[in-house]
Amino acid sequence: MNLFTRRRMFGSVGAASIAAISIAKSAPATQPMDETTDRIAIIETANKIGILSDRRDWEAVKNCFADQVEFDYTSLNGGEPATVSAAIQVQQWADFFSSTFKNTQHLIGSHVVMLSGNTASAIAHFQAHHTYLDVNQSSWLLAVLTITNSSV
């Protein structure tokens, strides 16, 4: 069993100050993990969400999340944060990306991970470039600071 499944890892998602917060309970770890391993797993999960989205590997993207996730798109679209199943959210992304974008590039870096018991917070810079299928539209660029919370 990999670290992400065993520990119910969750990573960051971004779009204009989006924070995604896992609300599922952590699965118990089958072996003790040290802080360095946890930090690496959190950073890798955040990076995976971006690069796997760019590769359109939606099943792998879904596996980066707990079953239920709170997504906060309020700074992009207004409204309130919403708790949804990761499977539903990732399917919505897949449908939107395939019907809207020719390609995307999500860059996530300068990670800072803060651990406290079984909880972690991570801050990372996020930039995403989206090229539309419609050649008459300009590209869409998001560049924000994304804050992510995670249960480890």
Protein backbone atom coordinates (compact mmCIF):
# COMPACT_ATOMS: atom_id res chain seq x y z
CA MET A 1 0.00 0.00 0.00
CA ASN A 2 1.49 3.37 -0.92
CA LEU A 3 1.94 6.29 1.44
CA PHE A 4 -0.89 8.30 -0.11
CA THR A 5 -3.48 5.55 0.36
CA ARG A 6 -2.30 4.51 3.79
CA ARG A 7 -2.08 8.04 5.18
CA ARG A 8 -5.04 9.56 3.25
CA MET A 9 -2.87 12.28 1.79
CA PHE A 10 -4.34 15.38 0.32
CA GLY A 11 -2.70 18.01 -1.81
CA SER A 12 -3.24 21.53 -2.97
CA VAL A 13 -5.37 22.84 -5.74
CA GLY A 14 -5.26 26.38 -6.93
CA ALA A 15 -7.13 29.00 -8.86
CA ALA A 16 -7.03 32.55 -7.57
CA SER A 17 -6.43 31.82 -3.90
CA ILE A 18 -8.18 28.48 -3.91
CA ALA A 19 -7.55 26.40 -0.87
CA ALA A 20 -8.69 22.81 -0.79
CA ILE A 21 -9.07 21.25 2.61
CA SER A 22 -9.53 17.57 3.25
CA ILE A 23 -12.23 16.88 5.79
CA ALA A 24 -12.00 13.12 5.74
CA LYS A 25 -10.47 11.46 8.77
CA SER A 26 -6.97 10.15 8.34
CA ALA A 27 -6.56 6.44 7.97
CA PRO A 28 -4.28 5.10 10.66
CA ALA A 29 -0.69 4.70 9.56
CA THR A 30 0.56 1.13 9.53
CA GLN A 31 4.07 2.24 10.44
CA PRO A 32 5.51 5.34 12.06
CA MET A 33 6.51 8.06 9.64
CA ASP A 34 9.12 10.67 10.30
CA GLU A 35 8.60 14.38 9.64
CA THR A 36 10.85 14.39 6.58
CA THR A 37 8.84 11.61 4.95
CA ASP A 38 5.58 13.42 5.72
CA ARG A 39 6.89 16.70 4.29
CA ILE A 40 8.06 15.01 1.10
CA ALA A 41 4.72 13.21 0.72
CA ILE A 42 2.75 16.47 1.09
CA ILE A 43 4.95 18.33 -1.42
CA GLU A 44 4.82 15.42 -3.88
CA THR A 45 1.04 15.24 -3.60
CA ALA A 46 0.68 18.95 -4.34
CA ASN A 47 3.00 18.63 -7.33
CA LYS A 48 1.23 15.50 -8.58
CA ILE A 49 -2.13 17.24 -8.72
CA GLY A 50 -0.71 19.87 -11.05
CA ILE A 51 1.35 17.67 -13.36
CA LEU A 52 -1.18 14.84 -13.51
CA SER A 53 -3.91 17.35 -14.39
CA ASP A 54 -1.70 18.60 -17.22
CA ARG A 55 -1.27 15.00 -18.40
CA ARG A 56 -5.05 14.43 -18.05
CA ASP A 57 -4.47 11.43 -15.77
CA TRP A 58 -7.69 12.04 -13.88
CA GLU A 59 -7.74 8.75 -11.99
CA ALA A 60 -4.30 9.53 -10.54
CA VAL A 61 -5.43 13.09 -9.69
CA LYS A 62 -8.47 11.70 -7.84
CA ASN A 63 -6.21 9.37 -5.86
CA CYS A 64 -4.33 12.39 -4.45
CA PHE A 65 -7.39 13.37 -2.42
CA ALA A 66 -9.40 12.03 0.48
CA ASP A 67 -12.90 10.87 -0.50
CA GLN A 68 -14.52 14.14 0.63
CA VAL A 69 -12.77 17.47 0.11
CA GLU A 70 -13.70 21.08 0.81
CA PHE A 71 -12.90 23.21 -2.24
CA ASP A 72 -12.83 26.97 -1.87
CA TYR A 73 -13.25 28.88 -5.12
CA THR A 74 -14.65 32.01 -3.45
CA SER A 75 -11.91 34.38 -4.60
CA LEU A 76 -12.41 33.21 -8.19
CA ASN A 77 -16.19 32.76 -8.40
CA GLY A 78 -17.63 34.12 -5.15
CA GLY A 79 -20.05 31.96 -3.20
CA GLU A 80 -19.07 29.67 -0.36
CA PRO A 81 -16.63 26.78 -0.01
CA ALA A 82 -18.23 23.46 -0.87
CA THR A 83 -17.62 19.93 0.34
CA VAL A 84 -17.74 17.48 -2.54
CA SER A 85 -16.53 14.03 -3.35
CA ALA A 86 -13.09 14.04 -4.93
CA ALA A 87 -14.43 11.79 -7.69
CA ILE A 88 -17.13 14.31 -8.63
CA GLN A 89 -14.77 17.31 -8.50
CA VAL A 90 -12.09 15.61 -10.58
CA GLN A 91 -14.69 14.50 -13.14
CA GLN A 92 -15.88 18.11 -13.41
CA TRP A 93 -12.28 19.21 -14.03
CA ALA A 94 -11.85 16.47 -16.65
CA ASP A 95 -15.01 17.52 -18.49
CA PHE A 96 -14.12 21.22 -18.30
CA PHE A 97 -10.50 20.76 -19.39
CA SER A 98 -11.36 18.49 -22.34
CA SER A 99 -14.01 20.87 -23.64
CA THR A 100 -12.12 24.11 -22.99
CA PHE A 101 -8.33 23.79 -23.09
CA LYS A 102 -5.86 22.61 -25.69
CA ASN A 103 -3.19 22.30 -23.00
CA THR A 104 -2.36 23.46 -19.50
CA GLN A 105 0.72 23.88 -17.36
CA HIS A 106 0.40 24.00 -13.57
CA LEU A 107 3.52 25.03 -11.66
CA ILE A 108 3.59 24.65 -7.88
CA GLY A 109 6.71 25.51 -5.91
CA SER A 110 8.39 27.18 -2.94
CA HIS A 111 6.57 24.77 -0.64
CA VAL A 112 6.59 25.37 3.09
CA VAL A 113 5.10 22.56 5.19
CA MET A 114 4.16 22.99 8.86
CA LEU A 115 3.47 19.80 10.81
CA SER A 116 1.53 19.60 14.07
CA GLY A 117 0.66 16.10 15.27
CA ASN A 118 -1.56 14.46 12.65
CA THR A 119 -2.26 17.75 10.87
CA ALA A 120 -0.18 19.64 8.35
CA SER A 121 -0.48 23.01 6.66
CA ALA A 122 1.40 23.83 3.49
CA ILE A 123 1.94 27.07 1.65
CA ALA A 124 3.10 27.09 -1.96
CA HIS A 125 3.27 29.43 -4.92
CA PHE A 126 1.01 28.45 -7.78
CA GLN A 127 0.91 29.45 -11.42
CA ALA A 128 -1.22 27.88 -14.11
CA HIS A 129 -1.23 28.63 -17.82
CA HIS A 130 -4.22 27.48 -19.87
CA THR A 131 -4.35 27.53 -23.68
CA TYR A 132 -7.89 27.47 -25.03
CA LEU A 133 -9.10 25.15 -27.78
CA ASP A 134 -10.70 28.20 -29.39
CA VAL A 135 -7.77 29.93 -31.11
CA ASN A 136 -9.69 33.23 -30.98
CA GLN A 137 -9.44 33.31 -27.19
CA SER A 138 -6.31 34.42 -25.39
CA SER A 139 -4.73 32.13 -22.82
CA TRP A 140 -5.75 32.18 -19.16
CA LEU A 141 -3.02 32.63 -16.56
CA LEU A 142 -3.51 32.22 -12.82
CA ALA A 143 -0.73 33.18 -10.43
CA VAL A 144 -1.52 33.04 -6.74
CA LEU A 145 -0.34 31.92 -3.34
CA THR A 146 -2.18 28.74 -2.41
CA ILE A 147 -2.66 27.64 1.17
CA THR A 148 -3.48 24.03 1.77
CA ASN A 149 -4.40 22.07 4.86
CA SER A 150 -4.01 18.35 5.14
CA SER A 151 -4.49 15.47 7.50
CA VAL A 152 -1.50 13.16 7.53
